[in-house]
Amino acid sequence: MDLLFDMSALLSVDILLKTGTGIPSSHNIDEFRARPEDIALCQKWLANNELTCYKTAFGLVCVAKKKQLEDVFHVKIVGEGSNLQFARKPIIPKQIDAIIDQITVSRSPDLFA
């Protein structure tokens, strides 16, 4: 069976959007969910820069080739396997900087370890 696309060539990043202040608890968790309009703005901007993004309750998960992620966030991704990370703090583009709290390289699960 031929694969149309090599999924192993893709990486993902978790993007946490800015939300409420204080300490989240079961009583105030909704204050810490990303606003739908912030998710839409961020998702649209990243999609226009060739990243595929999926909504989460607190932000986005974006998938792209390593080089694309490095170009968008102006930072090298170092390491290998499940130990990938940014070499330094990513530079968040000014168009979405006001709504992004944190970006991290997603860790692949260690299956059958």
C-alpha atoms as a PDB file:
ATOM      1  CA  MET A   1       0.000   0.000   0.000  1.00  0.00           C
ATOM      2  CA  ASP A   2       1.470   3.355  -1.018  1.00  0.00           C
ATOM      3  CA  LEU A   3       1.144   6.234   1.390  1.00  0.00           C
ATOM      4  CA  LEU A   4       0.207   9.535  -0.195  1.00  0.00           C
ATOM      5  CA  PHE A   5       2.059  11.485   2.479  1.00  0.00           C
ATOM      6  CA  ASP A   6       4.798  10.572   4.919  1.00  0.00           C
ATOM      7  CA  MET A   7       3.292  11.417   8.331  1.00  0.00           C
ATOM      8  CA  SER A   8       6.672  10.900  10.013  1.00  0.00           C
ATOM      9  CA  ALA A   9       7.869  14.096   8.294  1.00  0.00           C
ATOM     10  CA  LEU A  10       5.387  16.136  10.336  1.00  0.00           C
ATOM     11  CA  LEU A  11       5.782  17.678  13.775  1.00  0.00           C
ATOM     12  CA  SER A  12       3.188  19.302  15.967  1.00  0.00           C
ATOM     13  CA  VAL A  13       3.213  22.192  18.395  1.00  0.00           C
ATOM     14  CA  ASP A  14       0.807  22.947  21.219  1.00  0.00           C
ATOM     15  CA  ILE A  15      -0.294  26.576  21.350  1.00  0.00           C
ATOM     16  CA  LEU A  16      -1.779  27.770  24.617  1.00  0.00           C
ATOM     17  CA  LEU A  17      -3.807  30.943  24.210  1.00  0.00           C
ATOM     18  CA  LYS A  18      -3.989  33.700  26.824  1.00  0.00           C
ATOM     19  CA  THR A  19      -7.045  33.440  29.067  1.00  0.00           C
ATOM     20  CA  GLY A  20      -8.093  34.178  32.648  1.00  0.00           C
ATOM     21  CA  THR A  21      -5.796  35.110  35.485  1.00  0.00           C
ATOM     22  CA  GLY A  22      -5.289  33.366  38.783  1.00  0.00           C
ATOM     23  CA  ILE A  23      -5.221  29.673  39.546  1.00  0.00           C
ATOM     24  CA  PRO A  24      -7.578  27.374  37.638  1.00  0.00           C
ATOM     25  CA  SER A  25      -9.854  25.115  39.636  1.00  0.00           C
ATOM     26  CA  SER A  26     -12.956  23.059  38.979  1.00  0.00           C
ATOM     27  CA  HIS A  27     -14.987  26.143  39.955  1.00  0.00           C
ATOM     28  CA  ASN A  28     -13.447  28.573  37.466  1.00  0.00           C
ATOM     29  CA  ILE A  29     -12.102  26.372  34.661  1.00  0.00           C
ATOM     30  CA  ASP A  30     -14.264  28.062  32.034  1.00  0.00           C
ATOM     31  CA  GLU A  31     -12.365  31.318  32.621  1.00  0.00           C
ATOM     32  CA  PHE A  32      -9.246  29.544  31.356  1.00  0.00           C
ATOM     33  CA  ARG A  33     -10.699  28.202  28.113  1.00  0.00           C
ATOM     34  CA  ALA A  34      -9.596  30.033  24.989  1.00  0.00           C
ATOM     35  CA  ARG A  35     -12.066  32.523  23.554  1.00  0.00           C
ATOM     36  CA  PRO A  36     -13.567  31.243  20.265  1.00  0.00           C
ATOM     37  CA  GLU A  37     -12.662  34.472  18.457  1.00  0.00           C
ATOM     38  CA  ASP A  38      -9.008  34.150  19.573  1.00  0.00           C
ATOM     39  CA  ILE A  39      -8.899  30.545  18.378  1.00  0.00           C
ATOM     40  CA  ALA A  40     -10.382  31.566  15.020  1.00  0.00           C
ATOM     41  CA  LEU A  41      -7.945  34.481  14.548  1.00  0.00           C
ATOM     42  CA  CYS A  42      -4.898  32.405  15.448  1.00  0.00           C
ATOM     43  CA  GLN A  43      -6.032  29.414  13.391  1.00  0.00           C
ATOM     44  CA  LYS A  44      -6.664  31.579  10.317  1.00  0.00           C
ATOM     45  CA  TRP A  45      -3.295  33.338  10.553  1.00  0.00           C
ATOM     46  CA  LEU A  46      -1.404  30.068  11.015  1.00  0.00           C
ATOM     47  CA  ALA A  47      -3.350  28.388   8.182  1.00  0.00           C
ATOM     48  CA  ASN A  48      -2.396  31.303   5.919  1.00  0.00           C
ATOM     49  CA  ASN A  49       1.208  30.417   6.798  1.00  0.00           C
ATOM     50  CA  GLU A  50       0.689  26.775   5.761  1.00  0.00           C
ATOM     51  CA  LEU A  51       0.212  25.191   9.206  1.00  0.00           C
ATOM     52  CA  THR A  52      -2.690  22.820   9.776  1.00  0.00           C
ATOM     53  CA  CYS A  53      -4.313  23.623  13.120  1.00  0.00           C
ATOM     54  CA  TYR A  54      -6.865  21.838  15.264  1.00  0.00           C
ATOM     55  CA  LYS A  55      -8.862  23.485  18.054  1.00  0.00           C
ATOM     56  CA  THR A  56      -8.490  22.398  21.661  1.00  0.00           C
ATOM     57  CA  ALA A  57     -10.231  23.751  24.763  1.00  0.00           C
ATOM     58  CA  PHE A  58      -7.240  25.924  25.638  1.00  0.00           C
ATOM     59  CA  GLY A  59      -5.743  26.714  22.236  1.00  0.00           C
ATOM     60  CA  LEU A  60      -4.550  24.875  19.152  1.00  0.00           C
ATOM     61  CA  VAL A  61      -2.441  21.955  18.032  1.00  0.00           C
ATOM     62  CA  CYS A  62      -0.663  22.778  14.773  1.00  0.00           C
ATOM     63  CA  VAL A  63       0.941  20.292  12.429  1.00  0.00           C
ATOM     64  CA  ALA A  64       3.551  21.025   9.766  1.00  0.00           C
ATOM     65  CA  LYS A  65       6.977  20.094   8.517  1.00  0.00           C
ATOM     66  CA  LYS A  66       9.850  20.995  10.828  1.00  0.00           C
ATOM     67  CA  LYS A  67      11.144  23.731   8.492  1.00  0.00           C
ATOM     68  CA  GLN A  68       7.691  25.359   8.285  1.00  0.00           C
ATOM     69  CA  LEU A  69       7.418  25.518  12.080  1.00  0.00           C
ATOM     70  CA  GLU A  70      10.946  26.895  12.358  1.00  0.00           C
ATOM     71  CA  ASP A  71      10.204  29.570   9.746  1.00  0.00           C
ATOM     72  CA  VAL A  72       6.908  30.696  11.299  1.00  0.00           C
ATOM     73  CA  PHE A  73       8.298  30.892  14.854  1.00  0.00           C
ATOM     74  CA  HIS A  74      11.892  31.930  13.926  1.00  0.00           C
ATOM     75  CA  VAL A  75      13.522  29.230  16.033  1.00  0.00           C
ATOM     76  CA  LYS A  76      15.327  25.930  15.458  1.00  0.00           C
ATOM     77  CA  ILE A  77      13.792  22.688  16.686  1.00  0.00           C
ATOM     78  CA  VAL A  78      16.469  20.477  18.189  1.00  0.00           C
ATOM     79  CA  GLY A  79      16.675  16.935  19.528  1.00  0.00           C
ATOM     80  CA  GLU A  80      15.290  13.752  18.101  1.00  0.00           C
ATOM     81  CA  GLY A  81      12.544  11.235  18.642  1.00  0.00           C
ATOM     82  CA  SER A  82      10.297  12.179  21.546  1.00  0.00           C
ATOM     83  CA  ASN A  83      12.878  14.690  22.845  1.00  0.00           C
ATOM     84  CA  LEU A  84      12.264  17.491  20.347  1.00  0.00           C
ATOM     85  CA  GLN A  85      12.199  21.035  21.687  1.00  0.00           C
ATOM     86  CA  PHE A  86      12.770  24.620  20.664  1.00  0.00           C
ATOM     87  CA  ALA A  87      16.428  25.681  20.901  1.00  0.00           C
ATOM     88  CA  ARG A  88      15.236  28.913  22.573  1.00  0.00           C
ATOM     89  CA  LYS A  89      11.968  30.727  23.173  1.00  0.00           C
ATOM     90  CA  PRO A  90      10.027  30.973  19.894  1.00  0.00           C
ATOM     91  CA  ILE A  91       9.342  34.395  18.423  1.00  0.00           C
ATOM     92  CA  ILE A  92       5.589  34.737  18.118  1.00  0.00           C
ATOM     93  CA  PRO A  93       4.575  36.761  15.058  1.00  0.00           C
ATOM     94  CA  LYS A  94       3.183  40.182  16.013  1.00  0.00           C
ATOM     95  CA  GLN A  95      -0.158  39.426  14.333  1.00  0.00           C
ATOM     96  CA  ILE A  96      -0.949  36.780  16.970  1.00  0.00           C
ATOM     97  CA  ASP A  97       1.427  37.664  19.810  1.00  0.00           C
ATOM     98  CA  ALA A  98      -1.245  39.349  21.940  1.00  0.00           C
ATOM     99  CA  ILE A  99      -3.303  36.157  22.196  1.00  0.00           C
ATOM    100  CA  ILE A 100      -0.613  33.460  22.565  1.00  0.00           C
ATOM    101  CA  ASP A 101       0.662  32.557  26.016  1.00  0.00           C
ATOM    102  CA  GLN A 102       2.957  29.630  25.230  1.00  0.00           C
ATOM    103  CA  ILE A 103       4.129  27.369  22.393  1.00  0.00           C
ATOM    104  CA  THR A 104       5.722  23.967  22.959  1.00  0.00           C
ATOM    105  CA  VAL A 105       6.762  21.135  20.675  1.00  0.00           C
ATOM    106  CA  SER A 106       4.344  18.249  21.183  1.00  0.00           C
ATOM    107  CA  ARG A 107       5.867  15.072  22.510  1.00  0.00           C
ATOM    108  CA  SER A 108       5.206  11.869  20.654  1.00  0.00           C
ATOM    109  CA  PRO A 109       4.053   9.061  22.903  1.00  0.00           C
ATOM    110  CA  ASP A 110       6.663   6.430  23.753  1.00  0.00           C
ATOM    111  CA  LEU A 111       4.751   3.379  22.607  1.00  0.00           C
ATOM    112  CA  PHE A 112       5.886  -0.024  23.817  1.00  0.00           C
ATOM    113  CA  ALA A 113       8.687   1.460  25.900  1.00  0.00           C
END
